[in-house]
Amino acid sequence: MFCKRPMTDCYKMVSLTAEKVYILGITLGGRAFRPSDWAERLAGVMSQFRPGGARPGSHMAYSPWCVPTSVHGIRCVIVDERLRGHEVMAWDFCMNFAKDNALQVFHGVPPAP
């Protein structure tokens, strides 16, 4: 569900037990986030964080823990909770990216608009 409380409270909705966190390309104010390829850029930065660690050529594919996709026709990044256990600074980077850009964050699949 969409958090209508002050922005700092919305990010507390991401629980420690969530398996996947969805960062949507829609701001808390309801506007589309730009640039349009933001999801691919964020996932590209996270490509080195993967099960078994970075390997030669791993920068050529997205990490299974941070995947760009679309949900309900909205660009998003799905961040797997296992990223936090592997590299907490990478997890914090993703969550802070969402917070700094006032993006909607959901644990579990977001509801249809």
PDB file of N, CA and C in Angstrom:
ATOM      1  N   MET A   1       0.824  -1.180   0.000  1.00  0.00           N
ATOM      2  CA  MET A   1       0.000   0.000   0.000  1.00  0.00           C
ATOM      3  C   MET A   1       0.869   1.244   0.000  1.00  0.00           C
ATOM      4  N   PHE A   2       0.361   2.272  -0.615  1.00  0.00           N
ATOM      5  CA  PHE A   2       1.097   3.528  -0.735  1.00  0.00           C
ATOM      6  C   PHE A   2       1.123   4.232   0.613  1.00  0.00           C
ATOM      7  N   CYS A   3       2.279   4.701   0.990  1.00  0.00           N
ATOM      8  CA  CYS A   3       2.462   5.397   2.260  1.00  0.00           C
ATOM      9  C   CYS A   3       2.184   6.876   2.059  1.00  0.00           C
ATOM     10  N   LYS A   4       1.211   7.422   2.760  1.00  0.00           N
ATOM     11  CA  LYS A   4       0.872   8.840   2.623  1.00  0.00           C
ATOM     12  C   LYS A   4       1.394   9.667   3.792  1.00  0.00           C
ATOM     13  N   ARG A   5       2.171   9.058   4.649  1.00  0.00           N
ATOM     14  CA  ARG A   5       2.773   9.774   5.766  1.00  0.00           C
ATOM     15  C   ARG A   5       4.005  10.533   5.298  1.00  0.00           C
ATOM     16  N   PRO A   6       4.624  11.322   6.173  1.00  0.00           N
ATOM     17  CA  PRO A   6       5.848  12.028   5.767  1.00  0.00           C
ATOM     18  C   PRO A   6       6.870  11.054   5.196  1.00  0.00           C
ATOM     19  N   MET A   7       7.652  11.542   4.228  1.00  0.00           N
ATOM     20  CA  MET A   7       8.566  10.692   3.470  1.00  0.00           C
ATOM     21  C   MET A   7       9.458   9.833   4.362  1.00  0.00           C
ATOM     22  N   THR A   8       9.961  10.380   5.447  1.00  0.00           N
ATOM     23  CA  THR A   8      10.873   9.607   6.295  1.00  0.00           C
ATOM     24  C   THR A   8      10.180   8.406   6.909  1.00  0.00           C
ATOM     25  N   ASP A   9       8.872   8.485   7.138  1.00  0.00           N
ATOM     26  CA  ASP A   9       8.146   7.358   7.708  1.00  0.00           C
ATOM     27  C   ASP A   9       7.900   6.262   6.677  1.00  0.00           C
ATOM     28  N   CYS A  10       7.789   6.625   5.403  1.00  0.00           N
ATOM     29  CA  CYS A  10       7.475   5.643   4.362  1.00  0.00           C
ATOM     30  C   CYS A  10       8.557   4.585   4.256  1.00  0.00           C
ATOM     31  N   TYR A  11       9.795   4.944   4.438  1.00  0.00           N
ATOM     32  CA  TYR A  11      10.879   3.990   4.265  1.00  0.00           C
ATOM     33  C   TYR A  11      11.001   3.054   5.450  1.00  0.00           C
ATOM     34  N   LYS A  12      10.310   3.354   6.538  1.00  0.00           N
ATOM     35  CA  LYS A  12      10.261   2.425   7.656  1.00  0.00           C
ATOM     36  C   LYS A  12       9.346   1.253   7.325  1.00  0.00           C
ATOM     37  N   MET A  13       8.540   1.382   6.251  1.00  0.00           N
ATOM     38  CA  MET A  13       7.647   0.302   5.840  1.00  0.00           C
ATOM     39  C   MET A  13       8.429  -0.903   5.347  1.00  0.00           C
ATOM     40  N   VAL A  14       9.667  -0.734   4.945  1.00  0.00           N
ATOM     41  CA  VAL A  14      10.476  -1.849   4.465  1.00  0.00           C
ATOM     42  C   VAL A  14      10.902  -2.652   5.687  1.00  0.00           C
ATOM     43  N   SER A  15      10.306  -3.818   5.845  1.00  0.00           N
ATOM     44  CA  SER A  15      10.558  -4.604   7.043  1.00  0.00           C
ATOM     45  C   SER A  15      11.801  -5.461   6.881  1.00  0.00           C
ATOM     46  N   LEU A  16      12.281  -5.944   7.997  1.00  0.00           N
ATOM     47  CA  LEU A  16      13.450  -6.829   7.983  1.00  0.00           C
ATOM     48  C   LEU A  16      13.097  -8.210   7.450  1.00  0.00           C
ATOM     49  N   THR A  17      11.794  -8.524   7.350  1.00  0.00           N
ATOM     50  CA  THR A  17      11.388  -9.848   6.902  1.00  0.00           C
ATOM     51  C   THR A  17      10.943  -9.870   5.441  1.00  0.00           C
ATOM     52  N   ALA A  18      10.907  -8.735   4.780  1.00  0.00           N
ATOM     53  CA  ALA A  18      10.494  -8.707   3.374  1.00  0.00           C
ATOM     54  C   ALA A  18      11.499  -9.476   2.526  1.00  0.00           C
ATOM     55  N   GLU A  19      10.995 -10.282   1.605  1.00  0.00           N
ATOM     56  CA  GLU A  19      11.894 -11.020   0.727  1.00  0.00           C
ATOM     57  C   GLU A  19      12.330 -10.175  -0.448  1.00  0.00           C
ATOM     58  N   LYS A  20      11.416  -9.384  -0.975  1.00  0.00           N
ATOM     59  CA  LYS A  20      11.735  -8.519  -2.107  1.00  0.00           C
ATOM     60  C   LYS A  20      11.133  -7.143  -1.859  1.00  0.00           C
ATOM     61  N   VAL A  21      11.924  -6.133  -2.201  1.00  0.00           N
ATOM     62  CA  VAL A  21      11.481  -4.753  -2.058  1.00  0.00           C
ATOM     63  C   VAL A  21      11.394  -4.168  -3.458  1.00  0.00           C
ATOM     64  N   TYR A  22      10.287  -3.519  -3.760  1.00  0.00           N
ATOM     65  CA  TYR A  22      10.052  -2.908  -5.060  1.00  0.00           C
ATOM     66  C   TYR A  22      10.225  -1.407  -4.941  1.00  0.00           C
ATOM     67  N   ILE A  23      11.150  -0.865  -5.726  1.00  0.00           N
ATOM     68  CA  ILE A  23      11.343   0.575  -5.811  1.00  0.00           C
ATOM     69  C   ILE A  23      10.708   1.003  -7.134  1.00  0.00           C
ATOM     70  N   LEU A  24       9.613   1.731  -7.044  1.00  0.00           N
ATOM     71  CA  LEU A  24       8.891   2.149  -8.245  1.00  0.00           C
ATOM     72  C   LEU A  24       9.415   3.471  -8.772  1.00  0.00           C
ATOM     73  N   GLY A  25       9.302   3.650 -10.070  1.00  0.00           N
ATOM     74  CA  GLY A  25       9.712   4.883 -10.723  1.00  0.00           C
ATOM     75  C   GLY A  25       8.650   5.949 -10.668  1.00  0.00           C
ATOM     76  N   ILE A  26       7.921   6.002  -9.552  1.00  0.00           N
ATOM     77  CA  ILE A  26       6.899   7.013  -9.295  1.00  0.00           C
ATOM     78  C   ILE A  26       7.247   7.667  -7.965  1.00  0.00           C
ATOM     79  N   THR A  27       7.285   8.992  -7.955  1.00  0.00           N
ATOM     80  CA  THR A  27       7.621   9.692  -6.716  1.00  0.00           C
ATOM     81  C   THR A  27       6.452   9.623  -5.739  1.00  0.00           C
ATOM     82  N   LEU A  28       6.720   9.970  -4.501  1.00  0.00           N
ATOM     83  CA  LEU A  28       5.662   9.993  -3.501  1.00  0.00           C
ATOM     84  C   LEU A  28       4.583  11.001  -3.882  1.00  0.00           C
ATOM     85  N   GLY A  29       4.939  11.987  -4.687  1.00  0.00           N
ATOM     86  CA  GLY A  29       3.974  12.968  -5.184  1.00  0.00           C
ATOM     87  C   GLY A  29       3.202  12.491  -6.396  1.00  0.00           C
ATOM     88  N   GLY A  30       3.505  11.295  -6.921  1.00  0.00           N
ATOM     89  CA  GLY A  30       2.772  10.721  -8.024  1.00  0.00           C
ATOM     90  C   GLY A  30       3.344  11.009  -9.404  1.00  0.00           C
ATOM     91  N   ARG A  31       4.501  11.638  -9.487  1.00  0.00           N
ATOM     92  CA  ARG A  31       5.108  11.957 -10.782  1.00  0.00           C
ATOM     93  C   ARG A  31       6.059  10.849 -11.225  1.00  0.00           C
ATOM     94  N   ALA A  32       6.191  10.686 -12.551  1.00  0.00           N
ATOM     95  CA  ALA A  32       7.132   9.703 -13.101  1.00  0.00           C
ATOM     96  C   ALA A  32       8.556  10.182 -12.834  1.00  0.00           C
ATOM     97  N   PHE A  33       9.412   9.263 -12.429  1.00  0.00           N
ATOM     98  CA  PHE A  33      10.808   9.598 -12.149  1.00  0.00           C
ATOM     99  C   PHE A  33      11.598   9.585 -13.445  1.00  0.00           C
ATOM    100  N   ARG A  34      12.464  10.538 -13.604  1.00  0.00           N
ATOM    101  CA  ARG A  34      13.320  10.667 -14.787  1.00  0.00           C
ATOM    102  C   ARG A  34      14.768  10.624 -14.366  1.00  0.00           C
ATOM    103  N   PRO A  35      15.692  10.128 -15.180  1.00  0.00           N
ATOM    104  CA  PRO A  35      15.523   9.723 -16.575  1.00  0.00           C
ATOM    105  C   PRO A  35      14.788   8.394 -16.678  1.00  0.00           C
ATOM    106  N   SER A  36      14.279   8.106 -17.858  1.00  0.00           N
ATOM    107  CA  SER A  36      13.461   6.914 -18.039  1.00  0.00           C
ATOM    108  C   SER A  36      14.241   5.611 -17.862  1.00  0.00           C
ATOM    109  N   ASP A  37      15.566   5.661 -17.972  1.00  0.00           N
ATOM    110  CA  ASP A  37      16.373   4.440 -17.806  1.00  0.00           C
ATOM    111  C   ASP A  37      16.989   4.328 -16.407  1.00  0.00           C
ATOM    112  N   TRP A  38      16.398   4.999 -15.439  1.00  0.00           N
ATOM    113  CA  TRP A  38      16.941   5.008 -14.079  1.00  0.00           C
ATOM    114  C   TRP A  38      17.065   3.589 -13.513  1.00  0.00           C
ATOM    115  N   ALA A  39      16.097   2.711 -13.804  1.00  0.00           N
ATOM    116  CA  ALA A  39      16.100   1.351 -13.239  1.00  0.00           C
ATOM    117  C   ALA A  39      17.300   0.552 -13.748  1.00  0.00           C
ATOM    118  N   GLU A  40      17.580   0.686 -15.033  1.00  0.00           N
ATOM    119  CA  GLU A  40      18.719  -0.021 -15.613  1.00  0.00           C
ATOM    120  C   GLU A  40      20.031   0.530 -15.063  1.00  0.00           C
ATOM    121  N   ARG A  41      20.092   1.828 -14.856  1.00  0.00           N
ATOM    122  CA  ARG A  41      21.306   2.437 -14.297  1.00  0.00           C
ATOM    123  C   ARG A  41      21.565   1.955 -12.876  1.00  0.00           C
ATOM    124  N   LEU A  42      20.517   1.957 -12.044  1.00  0.00           N
ATOM    125  CA  LEU A  42      20.678   1.501 -10.663  1.00  0.00           C
ATOM    126  C   LEU A  42      21.076   0.025 -10.629  1.00  0.00           C
ATOM    127  N   ALA A  43      20.408  -0.808 -11.418  1.00  0.00           N
ATOM    128  CA  ALA A  43      20.737  -2.232 -11.448  1.00  0.00           C
ATOM    129  C   ALA A  43      22.135  -2.461 -12.005  1.00  0.00           C
ATOM    130  N   GLY A  44      22.565  -1.626 -12.936  1.00  0.00           N
ATOM    131  CA  GLY A  44      23.915  -1.737 -13.480  1.00  0.00           C
ATOM    132  C   GLY A  44      24.974  -1.479 -12.428  1.00  0.00           C
ATOM    133  N   VAL A  45      24.740  -0.493 -11.582  1.00  0.00           N
ATOM    134  CA  VAL A  45      25.677  -0.186 -10.497  1.00  0.00           C
ATOM    135  C   VAL A  45      25.742  -1.361  -9.518  1.00  0.00           C
ATOM    136  N   MET A  46      24.626  -2.043  -9.323  1.00  0.00           N
ATOM    137  CA  MET A  46      24.551  -3.145  -8.363  1.00  0.00           C
ATOM    138  C   MET A  46      24.967  -4.489  -8.966  1.00  0.00           C
ATOM    139  N   SER A  47      25.344  -4.529 -10.251  1.00  0.00           N
ATOM    140  CA  SER A  47      25.613  -5.798 -10.930  1.00  0.00           C
ATOM    141  C   SER A  47      26.748  -6.599 -10.300  1.00  0.00           C
ATOM    142  N   GLN A  48      27.675  -5.946  -9.634  1.00  0.00           N
ATOM    143  CA  GLN A  48      28.792  -6.681  -9.036  1.00  0.00           C
ATOM    144  C   GLN A  48      28.408  -7.435  -7.764  1.00  0.00           C
ATOM    145  N   PHE A  49      27.270  -7.094  -7.172  1.00  0.00           N
ATOM    146  CA  PHE A  49      26.836  -7.748  -5.932  1.00  0.00           C
ATOM    147  C   PHE A  49      25.923  -8.906  -6.300  1.00  0.00           C
ATOM    148  N   ARG A  50      26.454 -10.131  -6.136  1.00  0.00           N
ATOM    149  CA  ARG A  50      25.742 -11.322  -6.568  1.00  0.00           C
ATOM    150  C   ARG A  50      26.189 -12.517  -5.729  1.00  0.00           C
ATOM    151  N   PRO A  51      25.401 -13.585  -5.733  1.00  0.00           N
ATOM    152  CA  PRO A  51      25.820 -14.795  -5.028  1.00  0.00           C
ATOM    153  C   PRO A  51      27.177 -15.258  -5.542  1.00  0.00           C
ATOM    154  N   GLY A  52      28.068 -15.560  -4.667  1.00  0.00           N
ATOM    155  CA  GLY A  52      29.409 -16.001  -5.044  1.00  0.00           C
ATOM    156  C   GLY A  52      30.354 -14.859  -5.332  1.00  0.00           C
ATOM    157  N   GLY A  53      29.883 -13.626  -5.258  1.00  0.00           N
ATOM    158  CA  GLY A  53      30.740 -12.461  -5.484  1.00  0.00           C
ATOM    159  C   GLY A  53      30.940 -12.166  -6.963  1.00  0.00           C
ATOM    160  N   ALA A  54      31.596 -11.041  -7.220  1.00  0.00           N
ATOM    161  CA  ALA A  54      31.856 -10.623  -8.600  1.00  0.00           C
ATOM    162  C   ALA A  54      32.849 -11.581  -9.254  1.00  0.00           C
ATOM    163  N   ARG A  55      32.612 -11.870 -10.522  1.00  0.00           N
ATOM    164  CA  ARG A  55      33.501 -12.725 -11.309  1.00  0.00           C
ATOM    165  C   ARG A  55      33.794 -12.008 -12.621  1.00  0.00           C
ATOM    166  N   PRO A  56      34.824 -12.418 -13.325  1.00  0.00           N
ATOM    167  CA  PRO A  56      35.101 -11.785 -14.623  1.00  0.00           C
ATOM    168  C   PRO A  56      33.860 -11.847 -15.517  1.00  0.00           C
ATOM    169  N   GLY A  57      33.506 -10.702 -16.069  1.00  0.00           N
ATOM    170  CA  GLY A  57      32.346 -10.625 -16.948  1.00  0.00           C
ATOM    171  C   GLY A  57      31.020 -10.436 -16.242  1.00  0.00           C
ATOM    172  N   SER A  58      31.002 -10.478 -14.898  1.00  0.00           N
ATOM    173  CA  SER A  58      29.726 -10.359 -14.189  1.00  0.00           C
ATOM    174  C   SER A  58      29.119  -8.963 -14.322  1.00  0.00           C
ATOM    175  N   HIS A  59      29.934  -7.999 -14.716  1.00  0.00           N
ATOM    176  CA  HIS A  59      29.413  -6.650 -14.917  1.00  0.00           C
ATOM    177  C   HIS A  59      28.541  -6.574 -16.177  1.00  0.00           C
ATOM    178  N   MET A  60      28.527  -7.643 -16.951  1.00  0.00           N
ATOM    179  CA  MET A  60      27.759  -7.670 -18.192  1.00  0.00           C
ATOM    180  C   MET A  60      26.315  -8.123 -17.984  1.00  0.00           C
ATOM    181  N   ALA A  61      25.974  -8.521 -16.772  1.00  0.00           N
ATOM    182  CA  ALA A  61      24.612  -8.979 -16.476  1.00  0.00           C
ATOM    183  C   ALA A  61      24.180  -8.404 -15.141  1.00  0.00           C
ATOM    184  N   TYR A  62      22.872  -8.215 -14.982  1.00  0.00           N
ATOM    185  CA  TYR A  62      22.349  -7.704 -13.713  1.00  0.00           C
ATOM    186  C   TYR A  62      22.487  -8.761 -12.626  1.00  0.00           C
ATOM    187  N   SER A  63      22.652  -8.285 -11.413  1.00  0.00           N
ATOM    188  CA  SER A  63      22.664  -9.175 -10.260  1.00  0.00           C
ATOM    189  C   SER A  63      21.260  -9.736 -10.052  1.00  0.00           C
ATOM    190  N   PRO A  64      21.137 -10.998  -9.637  1.00  0.00           N
ATOM    191  CA  PRO A  64      19.803 -11.520  -9.333  1.00  0.00           C
ATOM    192  C   PRO A  64      19.193 -10.852  -8.103  1.00  0.00           C
ATOM    193  N   TRP A  65      19.990 -10.092  -7.369  1.00  0.00           N
ATOM    194  CA  TRP A  65      19.504  -9.399  -6.180  1.00  0.00           C
ATOM    195  C   TRP A  65      19.010  -7.982  -6.460  1.00  0.00           C
ATOM    196  N   CYS A  66      19.194  -7.491  -7.681  1.00  0.00           N
ATOM    197  CA  CYS A  66      18.776  -6.132  -8.022  1.00  0.00           C
ATOM    198  C   CYS A  66      18.436  -6.108  -9.514  1.00  0.00           C
ATOM    199  N   VAL A  67      17.153  -6.261  -9.820  1.00  0.00           N
ATOM    200  CA  VAL A  67      16.723  -6.483 -11.197  1.00  0.00           C
ATOM    201  C   VAL A  67      15.771  -5.383 -11.654  1.00  0.00           C
ATOM    202  N   PRO A  68      16.070  -4.749 -12.806  1.00  0.00           N
ATOM    203  CA  PRO A  68      15.129  -3.772 -13.353  1.00  0.00           C
ATOM    204  C   PRO A  68      13.991  -4.495 -14.076  1.00  0.00           C
ATOM    205  N   THR A  69      12.787  -3.988 -13.940  1.00  0.00           N
ATOM    206  CA  THR A  69      11.627  -4.589 -14.597  1.00  0.00           C
ATOM    207  C   THR A  69      10.498  -3.566 -14.633  1.00  0.00           C
ATOM    208  N   SER A  70       9.327  -3.998 -15.028  1.00  0.00           N
ATOM    209  CA  SER A  70       8.122  -3.167 -14.982  1.00  0.00           C
ATOM    210  C   SER A  70       7.053  -3.922 -14.226  1.00  0.00           C
ATOM    211  N   VAL A  71       6.308  -3.203 -13.420  1.00  0.00           N
ATOM    212  CA  VAL A  71       5.165  -3.767 -12.704  1.00  0.00           C
ATOM    213  C   VAL A  71       3.997  -2.830 -12.952  1.00  0.00           C
ATOM    214  N   HIS A  72       2.905  -3.378 -13.445  1.00  0.00           N
ATOM    215  CA  HIS A  72       1.721  -2.579 -13.778  1.00  0.00           C
ATOM    216  C   HIS A  72       2.080  -1.447 -14.742  1.00  0.00           C
ATOM    217  N   GLY A  73       3.038  -1.710 -15.630  1.00  0.00           N
ATOM    218  CA  GLY A  73       3.439  -0.716 -16.617  1.00  0.00           C
ATOM    219  C   GLY A  73       4.329   0.394 -16.080  1.00  0.00           C
ATOM    220  N   ILE A  74       4.828   0.238 -14.860  1.00  0.00           N
ATOM    221  CA  ILE A  74       5.688   1.244 -14.224  1.00  0.00           C
ATOM    222  C   ILE A  74       7.085   0.654 -14.068  1.00  0.00           C
ATOM    223  N   ARG A  75       8.107   1.384 -14.502  1.00  0.00           N
ATOM    224  CA  ARG A  75       9.491   0.929 -14.330  1.00  0.00           C
ATOM    225  C   ARG A  75       9.779   0.800 -12.835  1.00  0.00           C
ATOM    226  N   CYS A  76      10.502  -0.247 -12.487  1.00  0.00           N
ATOM    227  CA  CYS A  76      10.870  -0.451 -11.094  1.00  0.00           C
ATOM    228  C   CYS A  76      12.131  -1.288 -11.004  1.00  0.00           C
ATOM    229  N   VAL A  77      12.666  -1.362  -9.802  1.00  0.00           N
ATOM    230  CA  VAL A  77      13.786  -2.244  -9.491  1.00  0.00           C
ATOM    231  C   VAL A  77      13.337  -3.128  -8.346  1.00  0.00           C
ATOM    232  N   ILE A  78      13.547  -4.424  -8.514  1.00  0.00           N
ATOM    233  CA  ILE A  78      13.251  -5.364  -7.428  1.00  0.00           C
ATOM    234  C   ILE A  78      14.569  -5.660  -6.730  1.00  0.00           C
ATOM    235  N   VAL A  79      14.618  -5.344  -5.443  1.00  0.00           N
ATOM    236  CA  VAL A  79      15.821  -5.575  -4.647  1.00  0.00           C
ATOM    237  C   VAL A  79      15.536  -6.731  -3.695  1.00  0.00           C
ATOM    238  N   ASP A  80      16.316  -7.784  -3.827  1.00  0.00           N
ATOM    239  CA  ASP A  80      16.148  -8.974  -2.994  1.00  0.00           C
ATOM    240  C   ASP A  80      16.765  -8.726  -1.623  1.00  0.00           C
ATOM    241  N   GLU A  81      16.075  -9.183  -0.601  1.00  0.00           N
ATOM    242  CA  GLU A  81      16.532  -9.020   0.780  1.00  0.00           C
ATOM    243  C   GLU A  81      17.912  -9.638   1.014  1.00  0.00           C
ATOM    244  N   ARG A  82      18.289 -10.649   0.232  1.00  0.00           N
ATOM    245  CA  ARG A  82      19.593 -11.299   0.424  1.00  0.00           C
ATOM    246  C   ARG A  82      20.758 -10.344   0.162  1.00  0.00           C
ATOM    247  N   LEU A  83      20.501  -9.273  -0.599  1.00  0.00           N
ATOM    248  CA  LEU A  83      21.552  -8.281  -0.832  1.00  0.00           C
ATOM    249  C   LEU A  83      22.013  -7.677   0.490  1.00  0.00           C
ATOM    250  N   ARG A  84      21.081  -7.429   1.395  1.00  0.00           N
ATOM    251  CA  ARG A  84      21.429  -6.855   2.699  1.00  0.00           C
ATOM    252  C   ARG A  84      22.370  -7.774   3.469  1.00  0.00           C
ATOM    253  N   GLY A  85      22.112  -9.073   3.424  1.00  0.00           N
ATOM    254  CA  GLY A  85      22.973 -10.022   4.122  1.00  0.00           C
ATOM    255  C   GLY A  85      24.349 -10.151   3.486  1.00  0.00           C
ATOM    256  N   HIS A  86      24.421  -9.948   2.178  1.00  0.00           N
ATOM    257  CA  HIS A  86      25.696 -10.065   1.469  1.00  0.00           C
ATOM    258  C   HIS A  86      26.528  -8.794   1.595  1.00  0.00           C
ATOM    259  N   GLU A  87      25.900  -7.644   1.398  1.00  0.00           N
ATOM    260  CA  GLU A  87      26.626  -6.360   1.423  1.00  0.00           C
ATOM    261  C   GLU A  87      25.666  -5.258   1.850  1.00  0.00           C
ATOM    262  N   VAL A  88      25.681  -4.969   3.140  1.00  0.00           N
ATOM    263  CA  VAL A  88      24.737  -4.004   3.697  1.00  0.00           C
ATOM    264  C   VAL A  88      24.901  -2.609   3.092  1.00  0.00           C
ATOM    265  N   MET A  89      26.113  -2.231   2.686  1.00  0.00           N
ATOM    266  CA  MET A  89      26.303  -0.910   2.083  1.00  0.00           C
ATOM    267  C   MET A  89      25.628  -0.828   0.715  1.00  0.00           C
ATOM    268  N   ALA A  90      25.593  -1.912  -0.035  1.00  0.00           N
ATOM    269  CA  ALA A  90      24.898  -1.935  -1.321  1.00  0.00           C
ATOM    270  C   ALA A  90      23.388  -1.819  -1.099  1.00  0.00           C
ATOM    271  N   TRP A  91      22.888  -2.535  -0.096  1.00  0.00           N
ATOM    272  CA  TRP A  91      21.473  -2.444   0.275  1.00  0.00           C
ATOM    273  C   TRP A  91      21.135  -1.001   0.654  1.00  0.00           C
ATOM    274  N   ASP A  92      21.947  -0.412   1.509  1.00  0.00           N
ATOM    275  CA  ASP A  92      21.714   0.968   1.931  1.00  0.00           C
ATOM    276  C   ASP A  92      21.750   1.927   0.748  1.00  0.00           C
ATOM    277  N   PHE A  93      22.631   1.675  -0.210  1.00  0.00           N
ATOM    278  CA  PHE A  93      22.711   2.517  -1.397  1.00  0.00           C
ATOM    279  C   PHE A  93      21.377   2.506  -2.144  1.00  0.00           C
ATOM    280  N   CYS A  94      20.801   1.322  -2.328  1.00  0.00           N
ATOM    281  CA  CYS A  94      19.514   1.210  -3.032  1.00  0.00           C
ATOM    282  C   CYS A  94      18.397   1.899  -2.255  1.00  0.00           C
ATOM    283  N   MET A  95      18.333   1.650  -0.962  1.00  0.00           N
ATOM    284  CA  MET A  95      17.269   2.252  -0.153  1.00  0.00           C
ATOM    285  C   MET A  95      17.436   3.777  -0.064  1.00  0.00           C
ATOM    286  N   ASN A  96      18.673   4.235   0.043  1.00  0.00           N
ATOM    287  CA  ASN A  96      18.912   5.681   0.085  1.00  0.00           C
ATOM    288  C   ASN A  96      18.640   6.331  -1.268  1.00  0.00           C
ATOM    289  N   PHE A  97      18.883   5.612  -2.367  1.00  0.00           N
ATOM    290  CA  PHE A  97      18.541   6.122  -3.691  1.00  0.00           C
ATOM    291  C   PHE A  97      17.043   6.389  -3.748  1.00  0.00           C
ATOM    292  N   ALA A  98      16.260   5.433  -3.279  1.00  0.00           N
ATOM    293  CA  ALA A  98      14.804   5.600  -3.275  1.00  0.00           C
ATOM    294  C   ALA A  98      14.393   6.766  -2.373  1.00  0.00           C
ATOM    295  N   LYS A  99      14.973   6.833  -1.209  1.00  0.00           N
ATOM    296  CA  LYS A  99      14.630   7.902  -0.261  1.00  0.00           C
ATOM    297  C   LYS A  99      15.038   9.264  -0.802  1.00  0.00           C
ATOM    298  N   ASP A 100      16.261   9.384  -1.292  1.00  0.00           N
ATOM    299  CA  ASP A 100      16.768  10.669  -1.788  1.00  0.00           C
ATOM    300  C   ASP A 100      15.955  11.184  -2.972  1.00  0.00           C
ATOM    301  N   ASN A 101      15.383  10.264  -3.762  1.00  0.00           N
ATOM    302  CA  ASN A 101      14.608  10.657  -4.933  1.00  0.00           C
ATOM    303  C   ASN A 101      13.103  10.579  -4.695  1.00  0.00           C
ATOM    304  N   ALA A 102      12.712  10.376  -3.445  1.00  0.00           N
ATOM    305  CA  ALA A 102      11.301  10.332  -3.032  1.00  0.00           C
ATOM    306  C   ALA A 102      10.501   9.325  -3.862  1.00  0.00           C
ATOM    307  N   LEU A 103      11.077   8.128  -4.070  1.00  0.00           N
ATOM    308  CA  LEU A 103      10.403   7.095  -4.845  1.00  0.00           C
ATOM    309  C   LEU A 103       9.547   6.218  -3.938  1.00  0.00           C
ATOM    310  N   GLN A 104       8.481   5.689  -4.500  1.00  0.00           N
ATOM    311  CA  GLN A 104       7.616   4.788  -3.749  1.00  0.00           C
ATOM    312  C   GLN A 104       8.327   3.456  -3.548  1.00  0.00           C
ATOM    313  N   VAL A 105       8.248   2.929  -2.331  1.00  0.00           N
ATOM    314  CA  VAL A 105       8.918   1.675  -1.970  1.00  0.00           C
ATOM    315  C   VAL A 105       7.874   0.740  -1.358  1.00  0.00           C
ATOM    316  N   PHE A 106       7.849  -0.502  -1.817  1.00  0.00           N
ATOM    317  CA  PHE A 106       6.904  -1.499  -1.312  1.00  0.00           C
ATOM    318  C   PHE A 106       7.652  -2.774  -0.965  1.00  0.00           C
ATOM    319  N   HIS A 107       7.240  -3.436   0.099  1.00  0.00           N
ATOM    320  CA  HIS A 107       7.739  -4.789   0.321  1.00  0.00           C
ATOM    321  C   HIS A 107       6.656  -5.717  -0.195  1.00  0.00           C
ATOM    322  N   GLY A 108       7.041  -6.555  -1.131  1.00  0.00           N
ATOM    323  CA  GLY A 108       6.085  -7.357  -1.860  1.00  0.00           C
ATOM    324  C   GLY A 108       5.584  -6.606  -3.083  1.00  0.00           C
ATOM    325  N   VAL A 109       4.839  -7.307  -3.930  1.00  0.00           N
ATOM    326  CA  VAL A 109       4.356  -6.703  -5.177  1.00  0.00           C
ATOM    327  C   VAL A 109       3.417  -5.542  -4.872  1.00  0.00           C
ATOM    328  N   PRO A 110       3.674  -4.379  -5.489  1.00  0.00           N
ATOM    329  CA  PRO A 110       2.811  -3.227  -5.252  1.00  0.00           C
ATOM    330  C   PRO A 110       1.413  -3.460  -5.837  1.00  0.00           C
ATOM    331  N   PRO A 111       0.398  -2.839  -5.239  1.00  0.00           N
ATOM    332  CA  PRO A 111      -0.959  -2.988  -5.776  1.00  0.00           C
ATOM    333  C   PRO A 111      -1.084  -2.279  -7.121  1.00  0.00           C
ATOM    334  N   ALA A 112      -2.026  -2.718  -7.927  1.00  0.00           N
ATOM    335  CA  ALA A 112      -2.275  -2.061  -9.211  1.00  0.00           C
ATOM    336  C   ALA A 112      -2.797  -0.654  -8.947  1.00  0.00           C
ATOM    337  N   PRO A 113      -2.416   0.295  -9.818  1.00  0.00           N
ATOM    338  CA  PRO A 113      -2.880   1.681  -9.610  1.00  0.00           C
ATOM    339  C   PRO A 113      -4.372   1.821  -9.795  1.00  0.00           C
TER     340      PRO A 113
END
